[in-house]
C-alpha cells in the first residue's frame, strides 16, 4: 500500500548540535522544509519553502 501522507514525528538531537548550520541543512534536506530557529532560540520550526520565500520578500507579512 502506498500513501502520500506523512506522519508527524519528533526528532531529538543534542542541544549543542541542533542549531549548527550542518544540522539545519540536514533537517531541511530530509524534511523538504525550511528550518528556522524561533525567537526564543529554543526550538526549530519547519515551514514550507514557499511560505518562507513569501515571508522573506520585502513587503511580505510581518
C-alpha atoms as a PDB file:
ATOM      1  CA  UNK A   1       0.000   0.000   0.000  1.00  0.00           C
ATOM      2  CA  UNK A   2       1.301   3.430  -0.930  1.00  0.00           C
ATOM      3  CA  UNK A   3       0.327   6.653   0.763  1.00  0.00           C
ATOM      4  CA  UNK A   4       1.317  10.259   0.209  1.00  0.00           C
ATOM      5  CA  UNK A   5       0.526  11.414   3.727  1.00  0.00           C
ATOM      6  CA  UNK A   6       3.260  11.914   6.266  1.00  0.00           C
ATOM      7  CA  UNK A   7       3.105  11.182   9.944  1.00  0.00           C
ATOM      8  CA  UNK A   8       4.302  13.969  12.241  1.00  0.00           C
ATOM      9  CA  UNK A   9       7.275  12.961  14.322  1.00  0.00           C
ATOM     10  CA  UNK A  10       9.779  14.424  16.729  1.00  0.00           C
ATOM     11  CA  UNK A  11      13.494  14.068  16.398  1.00  0.00           C
ATOM     12  CA  UNK A  12      15.624  14.653  19.453  1.00  0.00           C
ATOM     13  CA  UNK A  13      19.128  15.999  18.891  1.00  0.00           C
ATOM     14  CA  UNK A  14      21.798  17.066  21.322  1.00  0.00           C
ATOM     15  CA  UNK A  15      21.241  20.758  22.228  1.00  0.00           C
ATOM     16  CA  UNK A  16      24.741  21.705  21.137  1.00  0.00           C
ATOM     17  CA  UNK A  17      24.229  20.155  17.702  1.00  0.00           C
ATOM     18  CA  UNK A  18      20.671  21.075  16.781  1.00  0.00           C
ATOM     19  CA  UNK A  19      21.340  24.721  15.926  1.00  0.00           C
ATOM     20  CA  UNK A  20      24.518  24.120  13.934  1.00  0.00           C
ATOM     21  CA  UNK A  21      24.432  25.000  10.230  1.00  0.00           C
ATOM     22  CA  UNK A  22      25.155  21.419   9.165  1.00  0.00           C
ATOM     23  CA  UNK A  23      22.299  20.078  11.295  1.00  0.00           C
ATOM     24  CA  UNK A  24      19.878  22.693   9.978  1.00  0.00           C
ATOM     25  CA  UNK A  25      20.775  21.869   6.358  1.00  0.00           C
ATOM     26  CA  UNK A  26      20.358  18.147   7.065  1.00  0.00           C
ATOM     27  CA  UNK A  27      16.937  18.745   8.625  1.00  0.00           C
ATOM     28  CA  UNK A  28      15.909  20.826   5.593  1.00  0.00           C
ATOM     29  CA  UNK A  29      17.159  18.158   3.199  1.00  0.00           C
ATOM     30  CA  UNK A  30      15.296  15.327   4.918  1.00  0.00           C
ATOM     31  CA  UNK A  31      12.024  17.177   5.527  1.00  0.00           C
ATOM     32  CA  UNK A  32      11.906  19.304   2.374  1.00  0.00           C
ATOM     33  CA  UNK A  33      11.055  22.325   4.535  1.00  0.00           C
ATOM     34  CA  UNK A  34      12.943  25.391   5.689  1.00  0.00           C
ATOM     35  CA  UNK A  35      14.319  25.071   9.223  1.00  0.00           C
ATOM     36  CA  UNK A  36      14.010  28.366  11.103  1.00  0.00           C
ATOM     37  CA  UNK A  37      15.127  28.965  14.689  1.00  0.00           C
ATOM     38  CA  UNK A  38      12.260  30.578  16.609  1.00  0.00           C
ATOM     39  CA  UNK A  39      12.519  33.864  18.513  1.00  0.00           C
ATOM     40  CA  UNK A  40      13.259  32.189  21.840  1.00  0.00           C
ATOM     41  CA  UNK A  41      16.183  30.297  20.336  1.00  0.00           C
ATOM     42  CA  UNK A  42      14.973  27.087  21.938  1.00  0.00           C
ATOM     43  CA  UNK A  43      13.351  25.231  19.050  1.00  0.00           C
ATOM     44  CA  UNK A  44      13.450  24.839  15.293  1.00  0.00           C
ATOM     45  CA  UNK A  45      10.296  25.468  13.291  1.00  0.00           C
ATOM     46  CA  UNK A  46       9.799  23.744   9.948  1.00  0.00           C
ATOM     47  CA  UNK A  47       7.893  25.808   7.410  1.00  0.00           C
ATOM     48  CA  UNK A  48       7.188  25.116   3.741  1.00  0.00           C
ATOM     49  CA  UNK A  49       9.817  26.647   1.475  1.00  0.00           C
ATOM     50  CA  UNK A  50       7.145  28.541  -0.484  1.00  0.00           C
ATOM     51  CA  UNK A  51       5.916  30.211   2.713  1.00  0.00           C
ATOM     52  CA  UNK A  52       9.483  31.108   3.724  1.00  0.00           C
ATOM     53  CA  UNK A  53      10.101  32.717   0.318  1.00  0.00           C
ATOM     54  CA  UNK A  54       6.892  34.752   0.634  1.00  0.00           C
ATOM     55  CA  UNK A  55       7.725  35.932   4.173  1.00  0.00           C
ATOM     56  CA  UNK A  56      11.329  36.830   3.382  1.00  0.00           C
ATOM     57  CA  UNK A  57      10.427  39.116   0.451  1.00  0.00           C
ATOM     58  CA  UNK A  58      10.240  42.873   1.061  1.00  0.00           C
ATOM     59  CA  UNK A  59       6.672  43.902   1.779  1.00  0.00           C
ATOM     60  CA  UNK A  60       5.690  40.396   2.895  1.00  0.00           C
ATOM     61  CA  UNK A  61       3.769  39.583   6.018  1.00  0.00           C
ATOM     62  CA  UNK A  62       5.478  40.712   9.194  1.00  0.00           C
END
